Amino acid sequence: MRADSLQDITLRYFLEVVRVGSLTVASERLHVAASAISRQITALEQALGTPLFERRPRGMKPTAAGEVLAAYALRCSLEAERVVDAIRALDGLHSGQVRVATSEGFASEFLPAAISAFRGQHPRIRFEMVVCASAEVSMKVRQGEADIGLTFSRAAERDIRVVHRQAAPVLAIMRPDHELCGARSLTLARLVACPLALPDASTTLRQMIDIACSRQQLVVEPVLTTNHVGALLGFVLHGGGITMASRGSVRQLIASGSVVAVPIRDSGMDARDVELQVMVGRTLPTAVAAFLDHLQQALEASA
C-alpha cells in the first residue's frame, strides 16, 4: 500500500478508534455509522496485510502494527495542522489555536493570566485549556490532544520532551493576619496542629505531604479535603486556616497581599518540579511555539 494513499478519511476513523478504544464511541464522536468505520478499518487491515486491533468484548486495543500506524497517522495530522498554521502566519502571528493540558494548580490563576497577557499582543490567537489530573497531562500531549502540557513532575514519560523544568517547593499559604504569617519557615509538625485545607490523595502535592508526614509519624487530619484549588484558596481567604501550594499557583494573591507564603523546611517538600511538555519530534505550529516561549518566561518570573 502506497504511503500517500493513507492520507484519507480512513486514517481519521482509525485514529479515533485508537483514541477511544471503541467503535461505538468513535461513531458517536465522528457522527458516522459504526458499521462504516468498521468496514474502513477492515479494508485498511486487508491492504496492510496485518491486524491493527485486538477485538475484545469491551473494546478494541491496537496491536503492535496498529500502534505504529497510529503514531504515523497522528504525526501526519499534526504536521498538516502545522503547515496550514505556518501559511497563515506568513504575514505575522495573526491567527492560530493553542491547546493546553494542565493540572488544576495552574488553571485558576497562572494560565489565565498568561493567556490574557499573550493575547494582549496577539489578540486573534485562540486557546483551549483542559484541566485534568497530573497523570493525564502527558497522555494528552502524547496522543496529540494537547499541544503543550503544564504539570508537576512525575516519572519520565515516553514520547514526551520536557522543554522547561523548574523547582516548585511546597509553601504554607495563609492570610496576612494569621498568627504564623511572620515565621521565616515552618515545619509540618507545626502545620498539622493547625486547621488545614489540602488537596485529595490523587495529587502530587498531597502525596508529597503524606509521605513526608509518614516519615515523621505525623497524623494529617485536614478539616477540608477537596479536588478544587479554588476551594482551598477560598478557605484560606475566608479565614478558615492554612493550605499548601507552590508559589506559581498563588503568585497574584501573594502580589496583591491577600495571602502570605511561608517556606516549609522539612525534607522532601522541595522535591517537586514544574514541567512544560511537548510531544517528542513534533514541529510546533507558530502560535504554539510563541506561547510556549511566553509560558517559560512567565514560569521563570514566578519562581
C-alpha atoms as a PDB file:
ATOM      1  CA  MET A   1       0.000   0.000   0.000  1.00  0.00           C
ATOM      2  CA  ARG A   2       1.484   3.359  -1.054  1.00  0.00           C
ATOM      3  CA  ALA A   3       2.128   5.829   1.793  1.00  0.00           C
ATOM      4  CA  ASP A   4       0.311   8.650   0.014  1.00  0.00           C
ATOM      5  CA  SER A   5      -2.865   6.525  -0.236  1.00  0.00           C
ATOM      6  CA  LEU A   6      -3.086   6.525   3.587  1.00  0.00           C
ATOM      7  CA  GLN A   7      -3.884  10.245   3.599  1.00  0.00           C
ATOM      8  CA  ASP A   8      -7.654   9.904   3.589  1.00  0.00           C
ATOM      9  CA  ILE A   9     -10.668   9.676   5.810  1.00  0.00           C
ATOM     10  CA  THR A  10      -9.828   6.073   6.726  1.00  0.00           C
ATOM     11  CA  LEU A  11      -6.927   7.207   8.876  1.00  0.00           C
ATOM     12  CA  ARG A  12      -9.171   9.645  10.694  1.00  0.00           C
ATOM     13  CA  TYR A  13     -11.579   6.831  11.541  1.00  0.00           C
ATOM     14  CA  PHE A  14      -8.721   4.547  12.556  1.00  0.00           C
ATOM     15  CA  LEU A  15      -7.101   7.153  14.795  1.00  0.00           C
ATOM     16  CA  GLU A  16     -10.361   7.938  16.569  1.00  0.00           C
ATOM     17  CA  VAL A  17     -10.907   4.263  17.401  1.00  0.00           C
ATOM     18  CA  VAL A  18      -7.363   4.109  18.770  1.00  0.00           C
ATOM     19  CA  ARG A  19      -8.052   7.155  20.946  1.00  0.00           C
ATOM     20  CA  VAL A  20     -11.355   5.995  22.440  1.00  0.00           C
ATOM     21  CA  GLY A  21     -10.907   2.207  22.225  1.00  0.00           C
ATOM     22  CA  SER A  22     -14.413   1.613  20.920  1.00  0.00           C
ATOM     23  CA  LEU A  23     -16.228   1.600  17.568  1.00  0.00           C
ATOM     24  CA  THR A  24     -19.418   2.778  19.257  1.00  0.00           C
ATOM     25  CA  VAL A  25     -17.801   5.765  20.958  1.00  0.00           C
ATOM     26  CA  ALA A  26     -15.867   6.646  17.787  1.00  0.00           C
ATOM     27  CA  SER A  27     -19.129   6.507  15.866  1.00  0.00           C
ATOM     28  CA  GLU A  28     -20.770   8.933  18.284  1.00  0.00           C
ATOM     29  CA  ARG A  29     -17.827  11.355  18.178  1.00  0.00           C
ATOM     30  CA  LEU A  30     -17.437  11.287  14.395  1.00  0.00           C
ATOM     31  CA  HIS A  31     -21.184  11.151  13.611  1.00  0.00           C
ATOM     32  CA  VAL A  32     -20.515   8.194  11.317  1.00  0.00           C
ATOM     33  CA  ALA A  33     -22.160   4.765  11.468  1.00  0.00           C
ATOM     34  CA  ALA A  34     -20.107   2.218  13.403  1.00  0.00           C
ATOM     35  CA  SER A  35     -20.524  -0.247  10.533  1.00  0.00           C
ATOM     36  CA  ALA A  36     -18.934   2.237   8.123  1.00  0.00           C
ATOM     37  CA  ILE A  37     -15.964   2.769  10.429  1.00  0.00           C
ATOM     38  CA  SER A  38     -15.586  -0.986  10.857  1.00  0.00           C
ATOM     39  CA  ARG A  39     -15.556  -1.531   7.079  1.00  0.00           C
ATOM     40  CA  GLN A  40     -12.874   1.115   6.592  1.00  0.00           C
ATOM     41  CA  ILE A  41     -10.654  -0.398   9.285  1.00  0.00           C
ATOM     42  CA  THR A  42     -11.123  -3.906   7.886  1.00  0.00           C
ATOM     43  CA  ALA A  43     -10.167  -2.650   4.419  1.00  0.00           C
ATOM     44  CA  LEU A  44      -7.095  -0.979   5.887  1.00  0.00           C
ATOM     45  CA  GLU A  45      -6.074  -4.207   7.630  1.00  0.00           C
ATOM     46  CA  GLN A  46      -6.511  -6.157   4.408  1.00  0.00           C
ATOM     47  CA  ALA A  47      -4.455  -3.639   2.444  1.00  0.00           C
ATOM     48  CA  LEU A  48      -1.640  -3.737   5.008  1.00  0.00           C
ATOM     49  CA  GLY A  49      -1.866  -7.496   5.445  1.00  0.00           C
ATOM     50  CA  THR A  50      -1.963  -7.414   9.247  1.00  0.00           C
ATOM     51  CA  PRO A  51      -4.474  -6.918  12.080  1.00  0.00           C
ATOM     52  CA  LEU A  52      -4.468  -3.415  13.530  1.00  0.00           C
ATOM     53  CA  PHE A  53      -6.665  -4.134  16.549  1.00  0.00           C
ATOM     54  CA  GLU A  54      -7.317  -6.813  19.087  1.00  0.00           C
ATOM     55  CA  ARG A  55     -11.121  -7.117  19.189  1.00  0.00           C
ATOM     56  CA  ARG A  56     -12.173  -7.531  22.810  1.00  0.00           C
ATOM     57  CA  PRO A  57     -15.623  -7.839  24.427  1.00  0.00           C
ATOM     58  CA  ARG A  58     -15.243  -4.387  25.986  1.00  0.00           C
ATOM     59  CA  GLY A  59     -13.404  -2.539  23.267  1.00  0.00           C
ATOM     60  CA  MET A  60     -10.561  -2.504  20.788  1.00  0.00           C
ATOM     61  CA  LYS A  61      -6.855  -2.321  21.596  1.00  0.00           C
ATOM     62  CA  PRO A  62      -4.284  -1.568  18.881  1.00  0.00           C
ATOM     63  CA  THR A  63      -1.799  -4.301  18.028  1.00  0.00           C
ATOM     64  CA  ALA A  64       1.900  -3.517  17.651  1.00  0.00           C
ATOM     65  CA  ALA A  65       1.228  -2.740  13.971  1.00  0.00           C
ATOM     66  CA  GLY A  66      -1.735  -0.598  14.993  1.00  0.00           C
ATOM     67  CA  GLU A  67       0.429   1.422  17.365  1.00  0.00           C
ATOM     68  CA  VAL A  68       2.984   2.047  14.614  1.00  0.00           C
ATOM     69  CA  LEU A  69       0.273   3.204  12.217  1.00  0.00           C
ATOM     70  CA  ALA A  70      -1.380   5.338  14.924  1.00  0.00           C
ATOM     71  CA  ALA A  71       1.891   7.162  15.577  1.00  0.00           C
ATOM     72  CA  TYR A  72       2.255   7.782  11.834  1.00  0.00           C
ATOM     73  CA  ALA A  73      -1.347   8.946  11.432  1.00  0.00           C
ATOM     74  CA  LEU A  74      -1.124  11.267  14.420  1.00  0.00           C
ATOM     75  CA  ARG A  75       2.081  12.905  13.211  1.00  0.00           C
ATOM     76  CA  CYS A  76       0.614  13.344   9.727  1.00  0.00           C
ATOM     77  CA  SER A  77      -2.446  15.038  11.209  1.00  0.00           C
ATOM     78  CA  LEU A  78      -0.403  17.335  13.441  1.00  0.00           C
ATOM     79  CA  GLU A  79       2.021  18.184  10.634  1.00  0.00           C
ATOM     80  CA  ALA A  80      -0.882  19.098   8.332  1.00  0.00           C
ATOM     81  CA  GLU A  81      -2.195  21.457  11.020  1.00  0.00           C
ATOM     82  CA  ARG A  82       1.265  22.979  11.414  1.00  0.00           C
ATOM     83  CA  VAL A  83       1.644  23.610   7.664  1.00  0.00           C
ATOM     84  CA  VAL A  84      -1.720  25.372   7.487  1.00  0.00           C
ATOM     85  CA  ASP A  85      -0.783  27.433  10.536  1.00  0.00           C
ATOM     86  CA  ALA A  86       2.614  28.331   9.031  1.00  0.00           C
ATOM     87  CA  ILE A  87       0.969  29.544   5.809  1.00  0.00           C
ATOM     88  CA  ARG A  88      -1.454  31.719   7.768  1.00  0.00           C
ATOM     89  CA  ALA A  89       1.430  33.085   9.841  1.00  0.00           C
ATOM     90  CA  LEU A  90       3.450  34.310   6.858  1.00  0.00           C
ATOM     91  CA  ASP A  91       2.124  37.817   7.449  1.00  0.00           C
ATOM     92  CA  GLY A  92       2.679  37.629  11.208  1.00  0.00           C
ATOM     93  CA  LEU A  93       1.115  35.916  14.216  1.00  0.00           C
ATOM     94  CA  HIS A  94      -2.450  36.844  13.280  1.00  0.00           C
ATOM     95  CA  SER A  95      -4.266  33.554  13.839  1.00  0.00           C
ATOM     96  CA  GLY A  96      -3.882  30.087  15.279  1.00  0.00           C
ATOM     97  CA  GLN A  97      -5.026  27.844  18.098  1.00  0.00           C
ATOM     98  CA  VAL A  98      -3.140  26.641  21.163  1.00  0.00           C
ATOM     99  CA  ARG A  99      -4.342  23.624  23.149  1.00  0.00           C
ATOM    100  CA  VAL A 100      -3.009  23.310  26.689  1.00  0.00           C
ATOM    101  CA  ALA A 101      -3.466  20.412  29.113  1.00  0.00           C
ATOM    102  CA  THR A 102      -2.745  21.330  32.718  1.00  0.00           C
ATOM    103  CA  SER A 103      -3.135  20.152  36.270  1.00  0.00           C
ATOM    104  CA  GLU A 104      -5.533  22.224  38.337  1.00  0.00           C
ATOM    105  CA  GLY A 105      -2.903  24.130  40.294  1.00  0.00           C
ATOM    106  CA  PHE A 106      -2.200  26.278  37.222  1.00  0.00           C
ATOM    107  CA  ALA A 107      -5.750  26.581  35.923  1.00  0.00           C
ATOM    108  CA  SER A 108      -7.284  29.131  38.285  1.00  0.00           C
ATOM    109  CA  GLU A 109      -4.661  31.848  38.184  1.00  0.00           C
ATOM    110  CA  PHE A 110      -1.373  31.236  36.387  1.00  0.00           C
ATOM    111  CA  LEU A 111      -2.590  30.091  32.966  1.00  0.00           C
ATOM    112  CA  PRO A 112      -5.486  32.558  32.629  1.00  0.00           C
ATOM    113  CA  ALA A 113      -3.063  35.391  33.421  1.00  0.00           C
ATOM    114  CA  ALA A 114      -0.506  34.062  30.921  1.00  0.00           C
ATOM    115  CA  ILE A 115      -3.130  33.642  28.197  1.00  0.00           C
ATOM    116  CA  SER A 116      -4.544  37.117  28.792  1.00  0.00           C
ATOM    117  CA  ALA A 117      -1.085  38.705  28.613  1.00  0.00           C
ATOM    118  CA  PHE A 118      -0.242  36.793  25.419  1.00  0.00           C
ATOM    119  CA  ARG A 119      -3.493  37.790  23.735  1.00  0.00           C
ATOM    120  CA  GLY A 120      -2.740  41.401  24.579  1.00  0.00           C
ATOM    121  CA  GLN A 121      -0.042  41.153  21.904  1.00  0.00           C
ATOM    122  CA  HIS A 122      -1.722  38.552  19.681  1.00  0.00           C
ATOM    123  CA  PRO A 123      -5.496  39.050  20.045  1.00  0.00           C
ATOM    124  CA  ARG A 124      -6.527  36.621  17.295  1.00  0.00           C
ATOM    125  CA  ILE A 125      -4.924  33.568  18.854  1.00  0.00           C
ATOM    126  CA  ARG A 126      -7.498  31.174  20.312  1.00  0.00           C
ATOM    127  CA  PHE A 127      -6.929  28.867  23.267  1.00  0.00           C
ATOM    128  CA  GLU A 128      -8.334  25.601  24.528  1.00  0.00           C
ATOM    129  CA  MET A 129      -7.427  24.623  28.077  1.00  0.00           C
ATOM    130  CA  VAL A 130      -8.188  21.179  29.511  1.00  0.00           C
ATOM    131  CA  VAL A 131      -7.773  20.656  33.258  1.00  0.00           C
ATOM    132  CA  CYS A 132      -7.010  17.104  34.324  1.00  0.00           C
ATOM    133  CA  ALA A 133      -5.047  15.018  36.782  1.00  0.00           C
ATOM    134  CA  SER A 134      -1.269  15.318  36.531  1.00  0.00           C
ATOM    135  CA  ALA A 135      -1.020  11.757  35.222  1.00  0.00           C
ATOM    136  CA  GLU A 136      -3.325  12.598  32.296  1.00  0.00           C
ATOM    137  CA  VAL A 137      -1.488  15.734  31.141  1.00  0.00           C
ATOM    138  CA  SER A 138       1.377  13.835  29.500  1.00  0.00           C
ATOM    139  CA  MET A 139      -1.070  11.358  27.964  1.00  0.00           C
ATOM    140  CA  LYS A 140      -2.966  14.150  26.206  1.00  0.00           C
ATOM    141  CA  VAL A 141       0.271  15.625  24.857  1.00  0.00           C
ATOM    142  CA  ARG A 142       1.484  12.211  23.693  1.00  0.00           C
ATOM    143  CA  GLN A 143      -1.825  11.485  21.939  1.00  0.00           C
ATOM    144  CA  GLY A 144      -1.891  14.872  20.222  1.00  0.00           C
ATOM    145  CA  GLU A 145      -4.951  16.091  22.114  1.00  0.00           C
ATOM    146  CA  ALA A 146      -2.891  18.941  23.587  1.00  0.00           C
ATOM    147  CA  ASP A 147      -0.014  20.945  22.111  1.00  0.00           C
ATOM    148  CA  ILE A 148       1.502  21.856  25.480  1.00  0.00           C
ATOM    149  CA  GLY A 149       1.407  20.164  28.863  1.00  0.00           C
ATOM    150  CA  LEU A 150       1.907  22.126  32.078  1.00  0.00           C
ATOM    151  CA  THR A 151       2.108  19.959  35.155  1.00  0.00           C
ATOM    152  CA  PHE A 152       4.106  18.928  38.187  1.00  0.00           C
ATOM    153  CA  SER A 153       6.768  16.312  37.581  1.00  0.00           C
ATOM    154  CA  ARG A 154       6.114  12.624  37.856  1.00  0.00           C
ATOM    155  CA  ALA A 155       8.108   9.735  36.374  1.00  0.00           C
ATOM    156  CA  ALA A 156       9.722  10.275  32.973  1.00  0.00           C
ATOM    157  CA  GLU A 157       7.156   9.782  30.208  1.00  0.00           C
ATOM    158  CA  ARG A 158       7.604   8.044  26.864  1.00  0.00           C
ATOM    159  CA  ASP A 159       7.421  10.328  23.783  1.00  0.00           C
ATOM    160  CA  ILE A 160       7.417  13.452  25.961  1.00  0.00           C
ATOM    161  CA  ARG A 161      10.036  16.204  25.706  1.00  0.00           C
ATOM    162  CA  VAL A 162      10.401  18.473  28.725  1.00  0.00           C
ATOM    163  CA  VAL A 163      11.039  21.956  27.342  1.00  0.00           C
ATOM    164  CA  HIS A 164      11.394  23.657  30.706  1.00  0.00           C
ATOM    165  CA  ARG A 165      11.711  22.445  34.273  1.00  0.00           C
ATOM    166  CA  GLN A 166      11.989  24.403  37.488  1.00  0.00           C
ATOM    167  CA  ALA A 167      11.747  23.686  41.189  1.00  0.00           C
ATOM    168  CA  ALA A 168       8.369  24.166  42.836  1.00  0.00           C
ATOM    169  CA  PRO A 169       8.845  23.806  46.598  1.00  0.00           C
ATOM    170  CA  VAL A 170       5.711  23.491  48.693  1.00  0.00           C
ATOM    171  CA  LEU A 171       4.805  26.567  50.756  1.00  0.00           C
ATOM    172  CA  ALA A 172       2.322  27.181  53.557  1.00  0.00           C
ATOM    173  CA  ILE A 173      -0.326  29.646  52.321  1.00  0.00           C
ATOM    174  CA  MET A 174      -2.239  31.777  54.836  1.00  0.00           C
ATOM    175  CA  ARG A 175      -3.825  35.187  55.329  1.00  0.00           C
ATOM    176  CA  PRO A 176      -1.605  38.096  56.418  1.00  0.00           C
ATOM    177  CA  ASP A 177      -3.416  38.212  59.762  1.00  0.00           C
ATOM    178  CA  HIS A 178      -2.712  34.558  60.597  1.00  0.00           C
ATOM    179  CA  GLU A 179      -0.648  34.039  63.738  1.00  0.00           C
ATOM    180  CA  LEU A 180       2.065  32.182  61.798  1.00  0.00           C
ATOM    181  CA  CYS A 181       2.411  34.638  58.926  1.00  0.00           C
ATOM    182  CA  GLY A 182       5.561  36.224  60.353  1.00  0.00           C
ATOM    183  CA  ALA A 183       7.536  32.977  60.551  1.00  0.00           C
ATOM    184  CA  ARG A 184      10.638  32.680  58.379  1.00  0.00           C
ATOM    185  CA  SER A 185       9.856  28.991  57.860  1.00  0.00           C
ATOM    186  CA  LEU A 186       7.568  26.332  59.306  1.00  0.00           C
ATOM    187  CA  THR A 187       7.634  22.592  59.941  1.00  0.00           C
ATOM    188  CA  LEU A 188       4.987  20.037  59.109  1.00  0.00           C
ATOM    189  CA  ALA A 189       4.749  19.229  62.812  1.00  0.00           C
ATOM    190  CA  ARG A 190       3.630  22.801  63.462  1.00  0.00           C
ATOM    191  CA  LEU A 191       1.310  22.929  60.476  1.00  0.00           C
ATOM    192  CA  VAL A 192      -0.619  19.716  61.182  1.00  0.00           C
ATOM    193  CA  ALA A 193      -1.649  21.227  64.508  1.00  0.00           C
ATOM    194  CA  CYS A 194      -3.498  23.996  62.585  1.00  0.00           C
ATOM    195  CA  PRO A 195      -6.752  23.826  60.613  1.00  0.00           C
ATOM    196  CA  LEU A 196      -5.587  22.674  57.178  1.00  0.00           C
ATOM    197  CA  ALA A 197      -7.230  22.544  53.763  1.00  0.00           C
ATOM    198  CA  LEU A 198      -5.461  20.060  51.476  1.00  0.00           C
ATOM    199  CA  PRO A 199      -5.954  18.582  48.007  1.00  0.00           C
ATOM    200  CA  ASP A 200      -7.061  14.984  47.701  1.00  0.00           C
ATOM    201  CA  ALA A 201      -4.750  11.972  47.521  1.00  0.00           C
ATOM    202  CA  SER A 202      -4.677  11.876  43.705  1.00  0.00           C
ATOM    203  CA  THR A 203      -2.445  14.954  43.503  1.00  0.00           C
ATOM    204  CA  THR A 204       1.357  15.010  43.600  1.00  0.00           C
ATOM    205  CA  LEU A 205       1.176  17.721  46.280  1.00  0.00           C
ATOM    206  CA  ARG A 206      -0.882  15.616  48.685  1.00  0.00           C
ATOM    207  CA  GLN A 207       1.281  12.579  48.022  1.00  0.00           C
ATOM    208  CA  MET A 208       4.401  14.575  48.945  1.00  0.00           C
ATOM    209  CA  ILE A 209       2.771  15.837  52.128  1.00  0.00           C
ATOM    210  CA  ASP A 210       1.579  12.379  53.159  1.00  0.00           C
ATOM    211  CA  ILE A 211       4.992  10.785  52.529  1.00  0.00           C
ATOM    212  CA  ALA A 212       6.841  13.493  54.466  1.00  0.00           C
ATOM    213  CA  CYS A 213       4.405  13.239  57.381  1.00  0.00           C
ATOM    214  CA  SER A 214       4.527   9.452  57.387  1.00  0.00           C
ATOM    215  CA  ARG A 215       8.307   9.524  57.748  1.00  0.00           C
ATOM    216  CA  GLN A 216       7.892  11.628  60.878  1.00  0.00           C
ATOM    217  CA  GLN A 217       4.866   9.656  62.122  1.00  0.00           C
ATOM    218  CA  LEU A 218       2.732  12.777  61.915  1.00  0.00           C
ATOM    219  CA  VAL A 219      -1.013  12.299  61.576  1.00  0.00           C
ATOM    220  CA  VAL A 220      -2.570  14.579  58.943  1.00  0.00           C
ATOM    221  CA  GLU A 221      -6.256  15.343  59.511  1.00  0.00           C
ATOM    222  CA  PRO A 222      -7.261  18.242  57.249  1.00  0.00           C
ATOM    223  CA  VAL A 223     -10.515  19.980  58.083  1.00  0.00           C
ATOM    224  CA  LEU A 224     -11.147  20.319  54.338  1.00  0.00           C
ATOM    225  CA  THR A 225     -10.118  17.918  51.571  1.00  0.00           C
ATOM    226  CA  THR A 226     -11.066  18.803  48.005  1.00  0.00           C
ATOM    227  CA  ASN A 227     -10.019  18.336  44.391  1.00  0.00           C
ATOM    228  CA  HIS A 228     -10.686  22.031  43.668  1.00  0.00           C
ATOM    229  CA  VAL A 229      -7.852  24.533  44.097  1.00  0.00           C
ATOM    230  CA  GLY A 230     -10.285  27.445  44.214  1.00  0.00           C
ATOM    231  CA  ALA A 231     -11.969  25.924  47.262  1.00  0.00           C
ATOM    232  CA  LEU A 232      -8.621  25.542  49.050  1.00  0.00           C
ATOM    233  CA  LEU A 233      -7.737  29.181  48.458  1.00  0.00           C
ATOM    234  CA  GLY A 234     -11.261  30.307  49.322  1.00  0.00           C
ATOM    235  CA  PHE A 235     -10.964  28.511  52.642  1.00  0.00           C
ATOM    236  CA  VAL A 236      -7.767  30.456  53.387  1.00  0.00           C
ATOM    237  CA  LEU A 237      -9.115  33.815  52.198  1.00  0.00           C
ATOM    238  CA  HIS A 238     -12.185  33.450  54.411  1.00  0.00           C
ATOM    239  CA  GLY A 239     -10.045  32.814  57.468  1.00  0.00           C
ATOM    240  CA  GLY A 240     -10.551  29.056  57.695  1.00  0.00           C
ATOM    241  CA  GLY A 241      -6.878  28.222  58.112  1.00  0.00           C
ATOM    242  CA  ILE A 242      -3.876  27.235  56.008  1.00  0.00           C
ATOM    243  CA  THR A 243      -3.338  25.408  52.735  1.00  0.00           C
ATOM    244  CA  MET A 244      -0.192  24.385  50.850  1.00  0.00           C
ATOM    245  CA  ALA A 245       0.806  25.226  47.278  1.00  0.00           C
ATOM    246  CA  SER A 246       3.689  26.250  45.053  1.00  0.00           C
ATOM    247  CA  ARG A 247       4.443  29.956  44.567  1.00  0.00           C
ATOM    248  CA  GLY A 248       3.435  29.934  40.909  1.00  0.00           C
ATOM    249  CA  SER A 249      -0.081  28.772  41.788  1.00  0.00           C
ATOM    250  CA  VAL A 250      -0.757  31.776  44.027  1.00  0.00           C
ATOM    251  CA  ARG A 251       1.564  34.422  42.583  1.00  0.00           C
ATOM    252  CA  GLN A 252      -1.146  37.051  42.048  1.00  0.00           C
ATOM    253  CA  LEU A 253      -2.631  36.531  45.510  1.00  0.00           C
ATOM    254  CA  ILE A 254       0.829  36.982  47.051  1.00  0.00           C
ATOM    255  CA  ALA A 255       1.486  40.097  44.947  1.00  0.00           C
ATOM    256  CA  SER A 256      -1.852  41.619  45.977  1.00  0.00           C
ATOM    257  CA  GLY A 257      -1.161  40.975  49.657  1.00  0.00           C
ATOM    258  CA  SER A 258      -4.170  38.693  50.008  1.00  0.00           C
ATOM    259  CA  VAL A 259      -2.047  35.791  51.220  1.00  0.00           C
ATOM    260  CA  VAL A 260       1.407  35.132  52.639  1.00  0.00           C
ATOM    261  CA  ALA A 261       3.609  32.205  51.573  1.00  0.00           C
ATOM    262  CA  VAL A 262       5.926  30.707  54.202  1.00  0.00           C
ATOM    263  CA  PRO A 263       8.573  28.078  53.279  1.00  0.00           C
ATOM    264  CA  ILE A 264       8.278  24.583  54.762  1.00  0.00           C
ATOM    265  CA  ARG A 265      11.675  23.317  55.814  1.00  0.00           C
ATOM    266  CA  ASP A 266      11.022  19.576  56.137  1.00  0.00           C
ATOM    267  CA  SER A 267      12.996  17.231  53.897  1.00  0.00           C
ATOM    268  CA  GLY A 268      11.134  16.234  50.742  1.00  0.00           C
ATOM    269  CA  MET A 269       8.942  19.320  50.480  1.00  0.00           C
ATOM    270  CA  ASP A 270      11.163  20.724  47.735  1.00  0.00           C
ATOM    271  CA  ALA A 271      11.216  17.561  45.610  1.00  0.00           C
ATOM    272  CA  ARG A 272       8.592  18.653  43.086  1.00  0.00           C
ATOM    273  CA  ASP A 273       9.281  20.356  39.744  1.00  0.00           C
ATOM    274  CA  VAL A 274       7.090  22.163  37.245  1.00  0.00           C
ATOM    275  CA  GLU A 275       7.365  20.832  33.692  1.00  0.00           C
ATOM    276  CA  LEU A 276       6.449  22.297  30.307  1.00  0.00           C
ATOM    277  CA  GLN A 277       5.921  19.330  27.999  1.00  0.00           C
ATOM    278  CA  VAL A 278       5.531  18.798  24.246  1.00  0.00           C
ATOM    279  CA  MET A 279       5.484  15.718  22.021  1.00  0.00           C
ATOM    280  CA  VAL A 280       8.883  14.303  21.076  1.00  0.00           C
ATOM    281  CA  GLY A 281       9.838  15.020  17.458  1.00  0.00           C
ATOM    282  CA  ARG A 282       6.938  17.344  16.715  1.00  0.00           C
ATOM    283  CA  THR A 283       7.483  20.635  14.886  1.00  0.00           C
ATOM    284  CA  LEU A 284       5.225  23.054  16.720  1.00  0.00           C
ATOM    285  CA  PRO A 285       2.891  25.464  14.912  1.00  0.00           C
ATOM    286  CA  THR A 286       3.970  29.115  15.056  1.00  0.00           C
ATOM    287  CA  ALA A 287       1.354  30.158  17.606  1.00  0.00           C
ATOM    288  CA  VAL A 288       2.115  27.188  19.867  1.00  0.00           C
ATOM    289  CA  ALA A 289       5.873  27.825  19.771  1.00  0.00           C
ATOM    290  CA  ALA A 290       5.344  31.505  20.577  1.00  0.00           C
ATOM    291  CA  PHE A 291       3.069  30.741  23.533  1.00  0.00           C
ATOM    292  CA  LEU A 292       5.472  28.078  24.779  1.00  0.00           C
ATOM    293  CA  ASP A 293       8.211  30.718  24.979  1.00  0.00           C
ATOM    294  CA  HIS A 294       5.784  33.055  26.730  1.00  0.00           C
ATOM    295  CA  LEU A 295       4.901  30.370  29.288  1.00  0.00           C
ATOM    296  CA  GLN A 296       8.529  29.650  30.009  1.00  0.00           C
ATOM    297  CA  GLN A 297       9.201  33.331  30.707  1.00  0.00           C
ATOM    298  CA  ALA A 298       6.108  33.522  32.945  1.00  0.00           C
ATOM    299  CA  LEU A 299       7.224  30.486  34.926  1.00  0.00           C
ATOM    300  CA  GLU A 300      10.714  31.891  35.408  1.00  0.00           C
ATOM    301  CA  ALA A 301       9.204  35.180  36.584  1.00  0.00           C
ATOM    302  CA  SER A 302       7.029  33.332  39.113  1.00  0.00           C
ATOM    303  CA  ALA A 303       9.911  31.432  40.700  1.00  0.00           C
END
